[in-house]
PDB file of N, CA and C in Angstrom:
ATOM      1  N   MET A   1    -137.707  49.052 151.775  1.00  0.00           N
ATOM      2  CA  MET A   1    -136.567  49.793 152.246  1.00  0.00           C
ATOM      3  C   MET A   1    -135.969  50.554 151.064  1.00  0.00           C
ATOM      4  N   LYS A   2    -135.660  51.796 151.297  1.00  0.00           N
ATOM      5  CA  LYS A   2    -135.082  52.634 150.254  1.00  0.00           C
ATOM      6  C   LYS A   2    -133.569  52.582 150.358  1.00  0.00           C
ATOM      7  N   ARG A   3    -132.903  52.338 149.255  1.00  0.00           N
ATOM      8  CA  ARG A   3    -131.445  52.290 149.242  1.00  0.00           C
ATOM      9  C   ARG A   3    -130.911  53.521 148.529  1.00  0.00           C
ATOM     10  N   TYR A   4    -129.769  53.990 149.030  1.00  0.00           N
ATOM     11  CA  TYR A   4    -129.142  55.154 148.429  1.00  0.00           C
ATOM     12  C   TYR A   4    -127.785  54.763 147.873  1.00  0.00           C
ATOM     13  N   ARG A   5    -127.456  55.271 146.728  1.00  0.00           N
ATOM     14  CA  ARG A   5    -126.115  55.128 146.189  1.00  0.00           C
ATOM     15  C   ARG A   5    -125.461  56.489 146.353  1.00  0.00           C
ATOM     16  N   LEU A   6    -124.390  56.540 147.145  1.00  0.00           N
ATOM     17  CA  LEU A   6    -123.748  57.804 147.453  1.00  0.00           C
ATOM     18  C   LEU A   6    -122.817  58.241 146.330  1.00  0.00           C
ATOM     19  N   ASN A   7    -122.926  59.489 145.967  1.00  0.00           N
ATOM     20  CA  ASN A   7    -122.035  60.094 144.995  1.00  0.00           C
ATOM     21  C   ASN A   7    -121.445  61.327 145.668  1.00  0.00           C
ATOM     22  N   PRO A   8    -120.132  61.298 146.011  1.00  0.00           N
ATOM     23  CA  PRO A   8    -119.554  62.420 146.739  1.00  0.00           C
ATOM     24  C   PRO A   8    -119.610  63.738 145.973  1.00  0.00           C
ATOM     25  N   LYS A   9    -119.729  63.683 144.666  1.00  0.00           N
ATOM     26  CA  LYS A   9    -119.802  64.911 143.873  1.00  0.00           C
ATOM     27  C   LYS A   9    -121.199  65.527 143.920  1.00  0.00           C
ATOM     28  N   GLU A  10    -122.182  64.698 144.219  1.00  0.00           N
ATOM     29  CA  GLU A  10    -123.567  65.173 144.302  1.00  0.00           C
ATOM     30  C   GLU A  10    -124.225  64.605 145.558  1.00  0.00           C
ATOM     31  N   PRO A  11    -123.869  65.148 146.741  1.00  0.00           N
ATOM     32  CA  PRO A  11    -124.469  64.608 147.961  1.00  0.00           C
ATOM     33  C   PRO A  11    -125.972  64.892 148.001  1.00  0.00           C
ATOM     34  N   ARG A  12    -126.727  63.970 148.591  1.00  0.00           N
ATOM     35  CA  ARG A  12    -128.169  64.163 148.666  1.00  0.00           C
ATOM     36  C   ARG A  12    -128.501  65.244 149.678  1.00  0.00           C
ATOM     37  N   GLN A  13    -129.606  65.891 149.485  1.00  0.00           N
ATOM     38  CA  GLN A  13    -130.061  66.940 150.398  1.00  0.00           C
ATOM     39  C   GLN A  13    -130.685  66.297 151.635  1.00  0.00           C
ATOM     40  N   LEU A  14    -130.401  66.886 152.799  1.00  0.00           N
ATOM     41  CA  LEU A  14    -131.024  66.405 154.029  1.00  0.00           C
ATOM     42  C   LEU A  14    -132.492  66.776 154.037  1.00  0.00           C
ATOM     43  N   THR A  15    -133.275  65.912 154.635  1.00  0.00           N
ATOM     44  CA  THR A  15    -134.688  66.260 154.819  1.00  0.00           C
ATOM     45  C   THR A  15    -134.762  67.310 155.914  1.00  0.00           C
ATOM     46  N   PRO A  16    -135.839  68.079 155.991  1.00  0.00           N
ATOM     47  CA  PRO A  16    -135.972  69.066 157.075  1.00  0.00           C
ATOM     48  C   PRO A  16    -135.841  68.431 158.463  1.00  0.00           C
ATOM     49  N   ALA A  17    -136.381  67.233 158.636  1.00  0.00           N
ATOM     50  CA  ALA A  17    -136.284  66.559 159.939  1.00  0.00           C
ATOM     51  C   ALA A  17    -134.830  66.213 160.261  1.00  0.00           C
ATOM     52  N   GLU A  18    -134.065  65.727 159.260  1.00  0.00           N
ATOM     53  CA  GLU A  18    -132.647  65.407 159.478  1.00  0.00           C
ATOM     54  C   GLU A  18    -131.860  66.674 159.816  1.00  0.00           C
ATOM     55  N   ALA A  19    -132.114  67.766 159.118  1.00  0.00           N
ATOM     56  CA  ALA A  19    -131.415  69.030 159.375  1.00  0.00           C
ATOM     57  C   ALA A  19    -131.712  69.530 160.786  1.00  0.00           C
ATOM     58  N   ARG A  20    -132.975  69.444 161.226  1.00  0.00           N
ATOM     59  CA  ARG A  20    -133.334  69.880 162.587  1.00  0.00           C
ATOM     60  C   ARG A  20    -132.626  69.022 163.632  1.00  0.00           C
ATOM     61  N   ARG A  21    -132.589  67.706 163.382  1.00  0.00           N
ATOM     62  CA  ARG A  21    -131.947  66.801 164.337  1.00  0.00           C
ATOM     63  C   ARG A  21    -130.458  67.121 164.462  1.00  0.00           C
ATOM     64  N   LEU A  22    -129.800  67.408 163.356  1.00  0.00           N
ATOM     65  CA  LEU A  22    -128.390  67.773 163.406  1.00  0.00           C
ATOM     66  C   LEU A  22    -128.174  69.108 164.105  1.00  0.00           C
ATOM     67  N   ASP A  23    -129.053  70.069 163.855  1.00  0.00           N
ATOM     68  CA  ASP A  23    -128.935  71.378 164.499  1.00  0.00           C
ATOM     69  C   ASP A  23    -129.116  71.274 166.011  1.00  0.00           C
ATOM     70  N   ASP A  24    -129.966  70.353 166.462  1.00  0.00           N
ATOM     71  CA  ASP A  24    -130.243  70.223 167.886  1.00  0.00           C
ATOM     72  C   ASP A  24    -129.166  69.453 168.633  1.00  0.00           C
ATOM     73  N   MET A  25    -128.346  68.690 167.921  1.00  0.00           N
ATOM     74  CA  MET A  25    -127.312  67.883 168.574  1.00  0.00           C
ATOM     75  C   MET A  25    -126.170  68.775 169.054  1.00  0.00           C
ATOM     76  N   ARG A  26    -125.731  68.531 170.251  1.00  0.00           N
ATOM     77  CA  ARG A  26    -124.581  69.236 170.805  1.00  0.00           C
ATOM     78  C   ARG A  26    -123.362  68.329 170.674  1.00  0.00           C
ATOM     79  N   ILE A  27    -122.237  68.895 170.306  1.00  0.00           N
ATOM     80  CA  ILE A  27    -121.006  68.126 170.190  1.00  0.00           C
ATOM     81  C   ILE A  27    -120.290  68.176 171.530  1.00  0.00           C
ATOM     82  N   ASP A  28    -119.920  66.997 172.039  1.00  0.00           N
ATOM     83  CA  ASP A  28    -119.231  66.893 173.320  1.00  0.00           C
ATOM     84  C   ASP A  28    -117.727  66.985 173.073  1.00  0.00           C
ATOM     85  N   TYR A  29    -117.117  68.082 173.484  1.00  0.00           N
ATOM     86  CA  TYR A  29    -115.683  68.298 173.300  1.00  0.00           C
ATOM     87  C   TYR A  29    -114.886  67.950 174.561  1.00  0.00           C
ATOM     88  N   SER A  30    -115.520  67.408 175.594  1.00  0.00           N
ATOM     89  CA  SER A  30    -114.859  67.211 176.886  1.00  0.00           C
ATOM     90  C   SER A  30    -113.702  66.219 176.829  1.00  0.00           C
ATOM     91  N   ASP A  31    -113.698  65.290 175.882  1.00  0.00           N
ATOM     92  CA  ASP A  31    -112.632  64.292 175.825  1.00  0.00           C
ATOM     93  C   ASP A  31    -111.465  64.719 174.932  1.00  0.00           C
ATOM     94  N   ILE A  32    -111.500  65.924 174.401  1.00  0.00           N
ATOM     95  CA  ILE A  32    -110.427  66.418 173.542  1.00  0.00           C
ATOM     96  C   ILE A  32    -109.486  67.268 174.387  1.00  0.00           C
ATOM     97  N   PRO A  33    -108.191  66.887 174.450  1.00  0.00           N
ATOM     98  CA  PRO A  33    -107.264  67.663 175.271  1.00  0.00           C
ATOM     99  C   PRO A  33    -107.003  69.036 174.655  1.00  0.00           C
ATOM    100  N   PRO A  34    -106.629  70.015 175.484  1.00  0.00           N
ATOM    101  CA  PRO A  34    -106.318  71.339 174.939  1.00  0.00           C
ATOM    102  C   PRO A  34    -105.070  71.272 174.055  1.00  0.00           C
ATOM    103  N   LEU A  35    -105.001  72.133 173.066  1.00  0.00           N
ATOM    104  CA  LEU A  35    -103.862  72.155 172.149  1.00  0.00           C
ATOM    105  C   LEU A  35    -102.802  73.104 172.686  1.00  0.00           C
ATOM    106  N   GLY A  36    -101.579  72.590 172.831  1.00  0.00           N
ATOM    107  CA  GLY A  36    -100.483  73.400 173.346  1.00  0.00           C
ATOM    108  C   GLY A  36     -99.666  74.031 172.233  1.00  0.00           C
ATOM    109  N   ASP A  37     -98.616  74.727 172.624  1.00  0.00           N
ATOM    110  CA  ASP A  37     -97.742  75.403 171.653  1.00  0.00           C
ATOM    111  C   ASP A  37     -97.069  74.417 170.703  1.00  0.00           C
ATOM    112  N   GLU A  38     -96.729  73.216 171.212  1.00  0.00           N
ATOM    113  CA  GLU A  38     -96.064  72.219 170.372  1.00  0.00           C
ATOM    114  C   GLU A  38     -96.947  71.846 169.174  1.00  0.00           C
ATOM    115  N   PHE A  39     -98.247  71.713 169.417  1.00  0.00           N
ATOM    116  CA  PHE A  39     -99.164  71.381 168.323  1.00  0.00           C
ATOM    117  C   PHE A  39     -99.102  72.437 167.227  1.00  0.00           C
ATOM    118  N   PHE A  40     -99.149  73.699 167.613  1.00  0.00           N
ATOM    119  CA  PHE A  40     -99.185  74.759 166.617  1.00  0.00           C
ATOM    120  C   PHE A  40     -97.837  74.933 165.929  1.00  0.00           C
ATOM    121  N   THR A  41     -96.747  74.594 166.606  1.00  0.00           N
ATOM    122  CA  THR A  41     -95.436  74.620 165.965  1.00  0.00           C
ATOM    123  C   THR A  41     -95.392  73.575 164.856  1.00  0.00           C
ATOM    124  N   LYS A  42     -95.857  72.377 165.177  1.00  0.00           N
ATOM    125  CA  LYS A  42     -95.871  71.316 164.168  1.00  0.00           C
ATOM    126  C   LYS A  42     -96.884  71.607 163.064  1.00  0.00           C
ATOM    127  N   ALA A  43     -97.969  72.265 163.408  1.00  0.00           N
ATOM    128  CA  ALA A  43     -99.029  72.532 162.437  1.00  0.00           C
ATOM    129  C   ALA A  43     -98.560  73.460 161.322  1.00  0.00           C
ATOM    130  N   THR A  44     -97.524  74.235 161.560  1.00  0.00           N
ATOM    131  CA  THR A  44     -97.039  75.154 160.528  1.00  0.00           C
ATOM    132  C   THR A  44     -96.075  74.484 159.570  1.00  0.00           C
ATOM    133  N   GLN A  45     -95.658  73.262 159.884  1.00  0.00           N
ATOM    134  CA  GLN A  45     -94.733  72.561 159.013  1.00  0.00           C
ATOM    135  C   GLN A  45     -95.469  72.065 157.771  1.00  0.00           C
ATOM    136  N   ALA A  46     -94.762  72.076 156.661  1.00  0.00           N
ATOM    137  CA  ALA A  46     -95.354  71.622 155.396  1.00  0.00           C
ATOM    138  C   ALA A  46     -95.623  70.123 155.457  1.00  0.00           C
ATOM    139  N   TRP A  47     -96.774  69.739 154.934  1.00  0.00           N
ATOM    140  CA  TRP A  47     -97.111  68.311 154.882  1.00  0.00           C
ATOM    141  C   TRP A  47     -97.758  68.008 153.563  1.00  0.00           C
ATOM    142  N   PRO A  48     -97.461  66.991 152.884  1.00  0.00           N
ATOM    143  CA  PRO A  48     -96.454  66.005 153.245  1.00  0.00           C
ATOM    144  C   PRO A  48     -95.056  66.531 152.980  1.00  0.00           C
ATOM    145  N   PRO A  49     -94.062  65.970 153.682  1.00  0.00           N
ATOM    146  CA  PRO A  49     -92.697  66.413 153.428  1.00  0.00           C
ATOM    147  C   PRO A  49     -92.312  66.095 151.985  1.00  0.00           C
ATOM    148  N   THR A  50     -91.353  66.815 151.482  1.00  0.00           N
ATOM    149  CA  THR A  50     -90.925  66.554 150.103  1.00  0.00           C
ATOM    150  C   THR A  50     -90.337  65.156 150.017  1.00  0.00           C
ATOM    151  N   LYS A  51     -90.548  64.533 148.903  1.00  0.00           N
ATOM    152  CA  LYS A  51     -90.030  63.182 148.672  1.00  0.00           C
ATOM    153  C   LYS A  51     -88.678  63.281 147.987  1.00  0.00           C
ATOM    154  N   GLN A  52     -87.843  62.300 148.248  1.00  0.00           N
ATOM    155  CA  GLN A  52     -86.546  62.229 147.595  1.00  0.00           C
ATOM    156  C   GLN A  52     -86.446  60.870 146.932  1.00  0.00           C
ATOM    157  N   GLN A  53     -86.070  60.867 145.680  1.00  0.00           N
ATOM    158  CA  GLN A  53     -85.973  59.613 144.938  1.00  0.00           C
ATOM    159  C   GLN A  53     -84.676  58.905 145.309  1.00  0.00           C
ATOM    160  N   LEU A  54     -84.768  57.589 145.503  1.00  0.00           N
ATOM    161  CA  LEU A  54     -83.586  56.799 145.780  1.00  0.00           C
ATOM    162  C   LEU A  54     -83.800  55.384 145.287  1.00  0.00           C
ATOM    163  N   THR A  55     -82.734  54.635 145.274  1.00  0.00           N
ATOM    164  CA  THR A  55     -82.802  53.238 144.880  1.00  0.00           C
ATOM    165  C   THR A  55     -82.439  52.404 146.096  1.00  0.00           C
ATOM    166  N   ILE A  56     -83.278  51.431 146.419  1.00  0.00           N
ATOM    167  CA  ILE A  56     -82.981  50.531 147.535  1.00  0.00           C
ATOM    168  C   ILE A  56     -83.085  49.095 147.043  1.00  0.00           C
ATOM    169  N   ARG A  57     -82.412  48.218 147.739  1.00  0.00           N
ATOM    170  CA  ARG A  57     -82.495  46.795 147.426  1.00  0.00           C
ATOM    171  C   ARG A  57     -83.284  46.117 148.539  1.00  0.00           C
ATOM    172  N   LEU A  58     -84.331  45.413 148.155  1.00  0.00           N
ATOM    173  CA  LEU A  58     -85.168  44.693 149.108  1.00  0.00           C
ATOM    174  C   LEU A  58     -85.096  43.209 148.815  1.00  0.00           C
ATOM    175  N   ASP A  59     -85.281  42.410 149.837  1.00  0.00           N
ATOM    176  CA  ASP A  59     -85.374  40.967 149.618  1.00  0.00           C
ATOM    177  C   ASP A  59     -86.579  40.701 148.729  1.00  0.00           C
ATOM    178  N   ALA A  60     -86.449  39.722 147.843  1.00  0.00           N
ATOM    179  CA  ALA A  60     -87.503  39.428 146.873  1.00  0.00           C
ATOM    180  C   ALA A  60     -88.826  39.115 147.562  1.00  0.00           C
ATOM    181  N   ASP A  61     -88.787  38.365 148.675  1.00  0.00           N
ATOM    182  CA  ASP A  61     -90.031  38.011 149.352  1.00  0.00           C
ATOM    183  C   ASP A  61     -90.681  39.226 150.011  1.00  0.00           C
ATOM    184  N   VAL A  62     -89.877  40.164 150.482  1.00  0.00           N
ATOM    185  CA  VAL A  62     -90.424  41.386 151.077  1.00  0.00           C
ATOM    186  C   VAL A  62     -91.124  42.213 150.009  1.00  0.00           C
ATOM    187  N   LEU A  63     -90.469  42.386 148.856  1.00  0.00           N
ATOM    188  CA  LEU A  63     -91.076  43.145 147.765  1.00  0.00           C
ATOM    189  C   LEU A  63     -92.348  42.466 147.260  1.00  0.00           C
ATOM    190  N   ARG A  64     -92.317  41.146 147.162  1.00  0.00           N
ATOM    191  CA  ARG A  64     -93.508  40.407 146.712  1.00  0.00           C
ATOM    192  C   ARG A  64     -94.659  40.631 147.702  1.00  0.00           C
ATOM    193  N   TRP A  65     -94.362  40.586 149.015  1.00  0.00           N
ATOM    194  CA  TRP A  65     -95.385  40.819 150.036  1.00  0.00           C
ATOM    195  C   TRP A  65     -95.966  42.216 149.912  1.00  0.00           C
ATOM    196  N   LEU A  66     -95.117  43.213 149.718  1.00  0.00           N
ATOM    197  CA  LEU A  66     -95.598  44.587 149.571  1.00  0.00           C
ATOM    198  C   LEU A  66     -96.500  44.729 148.349  1.00  0.00           C
ATOM    199  N   LYS A  67     -96.130  44.090 147.258  1.00  0.00           N
ATOM    200  CA  LYS A  67     -96.908  44.208 146.016  1.00  0.00           C
ATOM    201  C   LYS A  67     -98.200  43.402 146.062  1.00  0.00           C
ATOM    202  N   THR A  68     -98.269  42.363 146.907  1.00  0.00           N
ATOM    203  CA  THR A  68     -99.500  41.564 146.973  1.00  0.00           C
ATOM    204  C   THR A  68    -100.651  42.342 147.588  1.00  0.00           C
ATOM    205  N   HIS A  69    -100.353  43.444 148.268  1.00  0.00           N
ATOM    206  CA  HIS A  69    -101.398  44.261 148.877  1.00  0.00           C
ATOM    207  C   HIS A  69    -101.964  45.283 147.906  1.00  0.00           C
ATOM    208  N   GLY A  70    -101.613  45.174 146.634  1.00  0.00           N
ATOM    209  CA  GLY A  70    -102.184  46.071 145.631  1.00  0.00           C
ATOM    210  C   GLY A  70    -101.266  47.223 145.285  1.00  0.00           C
ATOM    211  N   ARG A  71    -101.834  48.158 144.533  1.00  0.00           N
ATOM    212  CA  ARG A  71    -101.065  49.313 144.082  1.00  0.00           C
ATOM    213  C   ARG A  71    -100.568  50.136 145.257  1.00  0.00           C
ATOM    214  N   GLY A  72     -99.509  50.907 145.021  1.00  0.00           N
ATOM    215  CA  GLY A  72     -99.006  51.815 146.037  1.00  0.00           C
ATOM    216  C   GLY A  72     -97.984  51.204 146.974  1.00  0.00           C
ATOM    217  N   TYR A  73     -97.208  50.238 146.492  1.00  0.00           N
ATOM    218  CA  TYR A  73     -96.257  49.593 147.391  1.00  0.00           C
ATOM    219  C   TYR A  73     -95.156  50.552 147.852  1.00  0.00           C
ATOM    220  N   GLN A  74     -94.789  51.540 147.031  1.00  0.00           N
ATOM    221  CA  GLN A  74     -93.767  52.498 147.460  1.00  0.00           C
ATOM    222  C   GLN A  74     -94.305  53.396 148.576  1.00  0.00           C
ATOM    223  N   THR A  75     -95.563  53.795 148.473  1.00  0.00           N
ATOM    224  CA  THR A  75     -96.197  54.562 149.541  1.00  0.00           C
ATOM    225  C   THR A  75     -96.271  53.710 150.801  1.00  0.00           C
ATOM    226  N   ARG A  76     -96.570  52.428 150.642  1.00  0.00           N
ATOM    227  CA  ARG A  76     -96.637  51.514 151.782  1.00  0.00           C
ATOM    228  C   ARG A  76     -95.272  51.422 152.465  1.00  0.00           C
ATOM    229  N   ILE A  77     -94.198  51.326 151.686  1.00  0.00           N
ATOM    230  CA  ILE A  77     -92.842  51.290 152.252  1.00  0.00           C
ATOM    231  C   ILE A  77     -92.604  52.564 153.060  1.00  0.00           C
ATOM    232  N   ASN A  78     -92.974  53.704 152.491  1.00  0.00           N
ATOM    233  CA  ASN A  78     -92.762  54.977 153.171  1.00  0.00           C
ATOM    234  C   ASN A  78     -93.533  55.023 154.494  1.00  0.00           C
ATOM    235  N   ARG A  79     -94.767  54.549 154.495  1.00  0.00           N
ATOM    236  CA  ARG A  79     -95.572  54.562 155.728  1.00  0.00           C
ATOM    237  C   ARG A  79     -94.986  53.647 156.790  1.00  0.00           C
ATOM    238  N   ILE A  80     -94.512  52.482 156.374  1.00  0.00           N
ATOM    239  CA  ILE A  80     -93.890  51.547 157.323  1.00  0.00           C
ATOM    240  C   ILE A  80     -92.649  52.178 157.933  1.00  0.00           C
ATOM    241  N   LEU A  81     -91.814  52.793 157.090  1.00  0.00           N
ATOM    242  CA  LEU A  81     -90.595  53.423 157.589  1.00  0.00           C
ATOM    243  C   LEU A  81     -90.911  54.627 158.475  1.00  0.00           C
ATOM    244  N   ARG A  82     -91.934  55.412 158.114  1.00  0.00           N
ATOM    245  CA  ARG A  82     -92.311  56.573 158.940  1.00  0.00           C
ATOM    246  C   ARG A  82     -92.797  56.103 160.316  1.00  0.00           C
ATOM    247  N   ALA A  83     -93.609  55.047 160.352  1.00  0.00           N
ATOM    248  CA  ALA A  83     -94.104  54.528 161.639  1.00  0.00           C
ATOM    249  C   ALA A  83     -92.931  54.054 162.495  1.00  0.00           C
ATOM    250  N   ALA A  84     -91.957  53.391 161.881  1.00  0.00           N
ATOM    251  CA  ALA A  84     -90.778  52.943 162.626  1.00  0.00           C
ATOM    252  C   ALA A  84     -89.983  54.138 163.135  1.00  0.00           C
ATOM    253  N   MET A  85     -89.801  55.146 162.285  1.00  0.00           N
ATOM    254  CA  MET A  85     -89.050  56.333 162.663  1.00  0.00           C
ATOM    255  C   MET A  85     -89.727  57.063 163.824  1.00  0.00           C
ATOM    256  N   GLU A  86     -91.038  57.269 163.734  1.00  0.00           N
ATOM    257  CA  GLU A  86     -91.757  58.014 164.756  1.00  0.00           C
ATOM    258  C   GLU A  86     -91.845  57.255 166.075  1.00  0.00           C
ATOM    259  N   SER A  87     -91.754  55.931 166.034  1.00  0.00           N
ATOM    260  CA  SER A  87     -91.806  55.151 167.270  1.00  0.00           C
ATOM    261  C   SER A  87     -90.473  55.189 168.014  1.00  0.00           C
ATOM    262  N   GLN A  88     -89.404  55.634 167.355  1.00  0.00           N
ATOM    263  CA  GLN A  88     -88.073  55.646 167.964  1.00  0.00           C
ATOM    264  C   GLN A  88     -87.800  56.876 168.812  1.00  0.00           C
ATOM    265  N   GLY A  89     -88.591  57.920 168.698  1.00  0.00           N
ATOM    266  CA  GLY A  89     -88.326  59.142 169.447  1.00  0.00           C
ATOM    267  C   GLY A  89     -87.350  60.029 168.694  1.00  0.00           C
ATOM    268  N   PRO A  90     -86.868  61.095 169.362  1.00  0.00           N
ATOM    269  CA  PRO A  90     -85.984  62.032 168.669  1.00  0.00           C
ATOM    270  C   PRO A  90     -84.649  61.380 168.313  1.00  0.00           C
ATOM    271  N   PRO A  91     -84.063  61.818 167.194  1.00  0.00           N
ATOM    272  CA  PRO A  91     -82.770  61.231 166.793  1.00  0.00           C
ATOM    273  C   PRO A  91     -81.662  61.628 167.761  1.00  0.00           C
ATOM    274  N   ARG A  92     -80.657  60.744 167.874  1.00  0.00           N
ATOM    275  CA  ARG A  92     -79.507  61.039 168.729  1.00  0.00           C
ATOM    276  C   ARG A  92     -78.604  62.051 168.051  1.00  0.00           C
ATOM    277  N   SER A  93     -77.846  62.755 168.855  1.00  0.00           N
ATOM    278  CA  SER A  93     -76.894  63.717 168.329  1.00  0.00           C
ATOM    279  C   SER A  93     -75.796  62.979 167.570  1.00  0.00           C
ATOM    280  N   ARG A  94     -75.338  63.552 166.476  1.00  0.00           N
ATOM    281  CA  ARG A  94     -74.269  62.916 165.698  1.00  0.00           C
ATOM    282  C   ARG A  94     -72.913  63.069 166.376  1.00  0.00           C
ATOM    283  N   SER A  95     -72.815  63.972 167.357  1.00  0.00           N
ATOM    284  CA  SER A  95     -71.536  64.169 168.023  1.00  0.00           C
ATOM    285  C   SER A  95     -71.194  62.999 168.936  1.00  0.00           C
ATOM    286  N   ALA A  96     -72.195  62.291 169.447  1.00  0.00           N
ATOM    287  CA  ALA A  96     -71.946  61.130 170.294  1.00  0.00           C
ATOM    288  C   ALA A  96     -71.721  59.916 169.411  1.00  0.00           C
ATOM    289  N   PRO A  97     -70.545  59.260 169.530  1.00  0.00           N
ATOM    290  CA  PRO A  97     -70.287  58.107 168.670  1.00  0.00           C
ATOM    291  C   PRO A  97     -71.212  56.947 169.009  1.00  0.00           C
ATOM    292  N   VAL A  98     -71.680  56.283 167.971  1.00  0.00           N
ATOM    293  CA  VAL A  98     -72.533  55.114 168.133  1.00  0.00           C
ATOM    294  C   VAL A  98     -71.618  53.912 168.259  1.00  0.00           C
ATOM    295  N   PRO A  99     -71.806  53.065 169.302  1.00  0.00           N
ATOM    296  CA  PRO A  99     -70.927  51.899 169.440  1.00  0.00           C
ATOM    297  C   PRO A  99     -71.061  50.979 168.235  1.00  0.00           C
ATOM    298  N   LYS A 100     -69.912  50.498 167.753  1.00  0.00           N
ATOM    299  CA  LYS A 100     -69.913  49.617 166.590  1.00  0.00           C
ATOM    300  C   LYS A 100     -70.207  48.188 167.029  1.00  0.00           C
ATOM    301  N   LYS A 101     -70.923  47.485 166.192  1.00  0.00           N
ATOM    302  CA  LYS A 101     -71.181  46.077 166.441  1.00  0.00           C
ATOM    303  C   LYS A 101     -69.979  45.283 165.940  1.00  0.00           C
ATOM    304  N   ASN A 102     -69.760  44.127 166.546  1.00  0.00           N
ATOM    305  CA  ASN A 102     -68.690  43.269 166.046  1.00  0.00           C
ATOM    306  C   ASN A 102     -69.089  42.730 164.691  1.00  0.00           C
ATOM    307  N   THR A 103     -68.205  42.858 163.757  1.00  0.00           N
ATOM    308  CA  THR A 103     -68.488  42.340 162.428  1.00  0.00           C
ATOM    309  C   THR A 103     -67.882  40.953 162.295  1.00  0.00           C
ATOM    310  N   ARG A 104     -68.279  40.228 161.277  1.00  0.00           N
ATOM    311  CA  ARG A 104     -67.718  38.897 161.052  1.00  0.00           C
ATOM    312  C   ARG A 104     -66.219  38.981 160.831  1.00  0.00           C
ATOM    313  N   HIS A 105     -65.801  40.051 160.139  1.00  0.00           N
ATOM    314  CA  HIS A 105     -64.387  40.208 159.833  1.00  0.00           C
ATOM    315  C   HIS A 105     -63.582  40.344 161.123  1.00  0.00           C
ATOM    316  N   GLU A 106     -64.040  41.184 162.058  1.00  0.00           N
ATOM    317  CA  GLU A 106     -63.344  41.379 163.322  1.00  0.00           C
ATOM    318  C   GLU A 106     -63.342  40.101 164.140  1.00  0.00           C
ATOM    319  N   ALA A 107     -64.446  39.383 164.167  1.00  0.00           N
ATOM    320  CA  ALA A 107     -64.549  38.159 164.955  1.00  0.00           C
ATOM    321  C   ALA A 107     -63.627  37.078 164.402  1.00  0.00           C
ATOM    322  N   ALA A 108     -63.438  37.035 163.106  1.00  0.00           N
ATOM    323  CA  ALA A 108     -62.596  36.022 162.487  1.00  0.00           C
ATOM    324  C   ALA A 108     -61.121  36.258 162.800  1.00  0.00           C
ATOM    325  N   HIS A 109     -60.729  37.535 162.997  1.00  0.00           N
ATOM    326  CA  HIS A 109     -59.333  37.861 163.210  1.00  0.00           C
ATOM    327  C   HIS A 109     -58.979  38.047 164.681  1.00  0.00           C
ATOM    328  N   ARG A 110     -59.944  37.911 165.564  1.00  0.00           N
ATOM    329  CA  ARG A 110     -59.699  38.093 166.995  1.00  0.00           C
ATOM    330  C   ARG A 110     -59.083  36.819 167.553  1.00  0.00           C
ATOM    331  N   LYS A 111     -58.098  36.977 168.422  1.00  0.00           N
ATOM    332  CA  LYS A 111     -57.462  35.816 169.040  1.00  0.00           C
ATOM    333  C   LYS A 111     -58.308  35.375 170.226  1.00  0.00           C
ATOM    334  N   PRO A 112     -58.449  34.064 170.433  1.00  0.00           N
ATOM    335  CA  PRO A 112     -59.222  33.586 171.595  1.00  0.00           C
ATOM    336  C   PRO A 112     -58.533  33.978 172.890  1.00  0.00           C
ATOM    337  N   ALA A 113     -59.327  34.260 173.920  1.00  0.00           N
ATOM    338  CA  ALA A 113     -58.772  34.702 175.213  1.00  0.00           C
ATOM    339  C   ALA A 113     -58.300  33.550 176.035  1.00  0.00           C
TER     340      ALA A 113
END
């Protein structure tokens, strides 16, 4: 059996038989939905978005978990936050007030009913 070591900078040449087989293959596009205007609107947006430097405080165990997965823990944080953001849908308008949660301070000073 012949083994190949792939080098992306120097890809191996296809044999004539491999090239013919690829040329004869038809690509089935039937399962790809048509692209609408929304796709092309988003496609013109710059990617990746610009990064903004900030300082955050994380629980020690959370940071340790992120770092145990190897280099790039800040990128990992960004991906986790982006996935959470995108799963929430469009942001709410700032004009509509967000109901406040009861805080410990308010609960401590509230008289029993």
